[in-house]
Amino acid sequence: MPPLGVGVDLAMLDACELALVIAHNDTVADAVRVYERTTLPRSNAWQWTLDHGAEELVSTDLPDFVDSQSP
């Protein structure tokens, strides 16, 4: 993931959700299947969003910090 400020948050959310599904399922295999149904669509959505956000992050276009109205 590009460094746009959501990596640690998503890692913590994923860890919490994985712990919960492991606690509420009979086998680890069942838990992982439940976990993936939740996390894979979210991961795909975030990856698409961050891929497009990274274009802004590494843009060579610089903002105009000079106020054209200033003397």
Protein backbone atom coordinates (compact mmCIF):
# COMPACT_ATOMS: atom_id res chain seq x y z
CA MET A 1 0.00 0.00 0.00
CA PRO A 2 1.24 3.52 -0.71
CA PRO A 3 2.09 5.54 2.40
CA LEU A 4 -1.12 7.54 2.68
CA GLY A 5 -1.88 7.04 6.35
CA VAL A 6 -4.13 3.98 6.56
CA GLY A 7 -1.69 1.06 6.77
CA VAL A 8 -1.46 0.71 10.54
CA ASP A 9 -5.18 1.36 10.98
CA LEU A 10 -6.06 -1.38 8.52
CA ALA A 11 -3.55 -3.79 10.08
CA MET A 12 -5.10 -3.25 13.52
CA LEU A 13 -8.63 -3.66 12.15
CA ASP A 14 -7.61 -6.85 10.31
CA ALA A 15 -5.97 -8.29 13.44
CA CYS A 16 -9.06 -7.53 15.54
CA GLU A 17 -11.43 -9.06 13.01
CA LEU A 18 -9.26 -12.15 12.61
CA ALA A 19 -9.15 -12.66 16.39
CA LEU A 20 -12.94 -12.35 16.59
CA VAL A 21 -13.65 -14.83 13.80
CA ILE A 22 -11.17 -17.32 15.26
CA ALA A 23 -12.94 -17.03 18.62
CA HIS A 24 -16.37 -17.54 17.05
CA ASN A 25 -15.66 -20.39 14.63
CA ASP A 26 -15.02 -24.07 15.22
CA THR A 27 -11.88 -24.31 13.08
CA VAL A 28 -9.18 -21.93 11.93
CA ALA A 29 -10.02 -22.84 8.32
CA ASP A 30 -13.64 -21.76 8.83
CA ALA A 31 -12.48 -18.58 10.54
CA VAL A 32 -10.14 -17.68 7.70
CA ARG A 33 -12.92 -18.15 5.13
CA VAL A 34 -15.21 -15.80 7.10
CA TYR A 35 -12.36 -13.33 7.59
CA GLU A 36 -11.50 -13.28 3.88
CA ARG A 37 -15.12 -12.60 2.89
CA THR A 38 -14.89 -9.38 4.90
CA THR A 39 -11.31 -8.27 4.37
CA LEU A 40 -10.66 -9.05 0.70
CA PRO A 41 -13.35 -6.70 -0.68
CA ARG A 42 -12.23 -3.97 1.73
CA SER A 43 -8.58 -4.48 0.80
CA ASN A 44 -9.39 -4.31 -2.89
CA ALA A 45 -11.37 -1.09 -2.43
CA TRP A 46 -8.59 0.53 -0.38
CA GLN A 47 -5.94 -0.59 -2.86
CA TRP A 48 -7.85 1.04 -5.73
CA THR A 49 -8.34 4.24 -3.72
CA LEU A 50 -4.71 4.40 -2.62
CA ASP A 51 -3.36 3.63 -6.08
CA HIS A 52 -5.12 6.73 -7.34
CA GLY A 53 -4.14 8.75 -4.27
CA ALA A 54 -0.50 7.83 -4.79
CA GLU A 55 -0.55 9.66 -8.11
CA GLU A 56 -1.13 12.88 -6.18
CA LEU A 57 1.53 11.95 -3.62
CA VAL A 58 4.28 11.58 -6.22
CA SER A 59 3.09 14.30 -8.58
CA THR A 60 5.74 16.55 -10.09
CA ASP A 61 3.24 19.41 -10.25
CA LEU A 62 4.03 21.90 -7.52
CA PRO A 63 1.38 24.16 -6.03
CA ASP A 64 1.71 27.89 -6.61
CA PHE A 65 2.56 29.17 -3.12
CA VAL A 66 3.06 32.72 -4.34
CA ASP A 67 -0.04 34.86 -4.03
CA SER A 68 -0.35 36.71 -7.33
CA GLN A 69 -2.20 39.52 -5.51
CA SER A 70 0.75 40.29 -3.22
CA PRO A 71 2.99 43.30 -4.04
